[in-house]
Protein backbone atom coordinates (compact mmCIF):
# COMPACT_ATOMS: atom_id res chain seq x y z
CA MET A 1 -17.34 -8.21 -5.70
CA LEU A 2 -14.31 -6.34 -7.07
CA LYS A 3 -16.51 -3.29 -7.93
CA ARG A 4 -17.90 -3.29 -4.40
CA GLU A 5 -14.43 -3.29 -2.74
CA ARG A 6 -13.19 -0.39 -5.02
CA ALA A 7 -16.27 1.54 -3.81
CA ARG A 8 -15.41 0.73 -0.30
CA ALA A 9 -11.89 1.87 -0.92
CA ARG A 10 -13.07 5.24 -2.22
CA GLU A 11 -15.23 5.57 0.82
CA LEU A 12 -12.28 4.62 3.19
CA GLY A 13 -10.13 7.28 1.25
CA ALA A 14 -12.48 10.08 1.98
CA SER A 15 -12.77 9.16 5.86
CA GLN A 16 -11.21 11.00 8.58
CA TRP A 17 -9.37 7.78 9.61
CA TRP A 18 -7.54 7.76 6.25
CA LYS A 19 -6.82 11.55 6.45
CA ARG A 20 -5.18 11.05 9.97
CA ARG A 21 -3.36 7.90 8.57
CA ILE A 22 -1.70 9.93 5.62
CA ALA A 23 -1.09 13.07 7.73
CA ASP A 24 2.49 12.37 8.43
CA GLY A 25 3.10 11.80 4.75
CA LYS A 26 5.29 8.64 5.40
CA CYS A 27 5.32 5.57 3.02
CA PHE A 28 4.53 2.43 4.90
CA TYR A 29 7.01 0.44 2.75
CA CYS A 30 10.12 2.65 2.18
CA GLY A 31 9.60 4.87 5.26
CA ARG A 32 10.36 8.07 3.24
CA THR A 33 8.52 11.18 3.96
CA VAL A 34 6.74 12.20 0.67
CA GLY A 35 3.97 14.30 1.91
CA ALA A 36 0.27 13.35 2.37
CA ARG A 37 -0.71 14.36 -1.19
CA ALA A 38 1.74 12.10 -2.72
CA LEU A 39 0.63 8.96 -0.87
CA THR A 40 -1.60 6.41 -2.59
CA MET A 41 -3.80 3.87 -0.87
CA ASP A 42 -2.31 0.33 -1.13
CA HIS A 43 -4.12 -2.93 -0.39
CA VAL A 44 -1.58 -5.02 1.43
CA VAL A 45 -3.40 -8.19 0.24
CA PRO A 46 -4.46 -6.93 -3.29
CA LEU A 47 -8.25 -6.92 -4.21
CA GLY A 48 -7.34 -9.15 -7.13
CA ARG A 49 -5.80 -11.81 -4.80
CA GLY A 50 -8.81 -11.85 -2.34
CA GLY A 51 -8.06 -8.72 -0.32
CA ARG A 52 -10.66 -6.45 1.18
CA SER A 53 -10.99 -2.64 1.59
CA VAL A 54 -10.80 -2.61 5.39
CA ARG A 55 -8.68 -0.60 7.76
CA GLY A 56 -6.43 -3.53 8.36
CA ASN A 57 -5.59 -4.15 4.80
CA VAL A 58 -4.60 -0.83 3.53
CA VAL A 59 -1.62 1.26 4.10
CA ALA A 60 -0.35 4.51 2.71
CA ALA A 61 2.49 3.97 0.09
CA CYS A 62 4.32 6.33 -2.14
CA LYS A 63 3.50 5.95 -5.94
CA PRO A 64 6.91 4.09 -6.56
CA CYS A 65 6.64 1.59 -3.88
CA ASN A 66 2.94 1.05 -4.80
CA THR A 67 3.99 0.60 -8.51
CA LYS A 68 6.76 -1.89 -7.61
CA LYS A 69 4.63 -3.94 -5.33
CA ARG A 70 1.92 -4.59 -7.99
CA SER A 71 -0.32 -7.34 -6.88
CA LEU A 72 2.27 -9.12 -4.56
CA VAL A 73 1.00 -10.38 -1.23
CA PRO A 74 3.10 -9.63 1.93
CA VAL A 75 5.20 -12.80 1.80
CA GLU A 76 6.10 -12.28 -2.05
CA TRP A 77 6.93 -8.63 -1.40
CA ALA A 78 9.32 -9.57 1.52
CA ALA A 79 10.88 -12.15 -0.96
CA TYR A 80 11.27 -9.34 -3.54
CA LEU A 81 12.88 -7.03 -0.94
CA ARG A 82 15.37 -9.88 0.13
CA SER A 83 16.34 -10.39 -3.54
CA LEU A 84 17.13 -6.80 -3.80
CA ASP A 85 19.37 -7.01 -0.65
CA ALA A 86 21.16 -10.11 -2.11
CA VAL A 87 21.71 -8.20 -5.45
CA SER A 88 23.17 -5.03 -3.52
CA ASP A 89 25.44 -7.28 -1.35
CA GLU A 90 27.29 -8.82 -4.55
């Protein structure tokens, strides 16, 4: 199943929908504008955690955010971001 979902992700990445999605060059997570070529496809719910390669589960992310997110699901990612805020408030 993982192999099939990765193939679907490659197809989605070649689609006009994805090209329009990344055209503004903005990272979904940090909001920085890095340019369309610097964006990667991130599965909000990772494939290894049961996510699918469908439009509703993929976002454009800069490489640093995609790397930091790893295989976290949205609730875990939100907790991680809150922990960063708590550290910066100290």
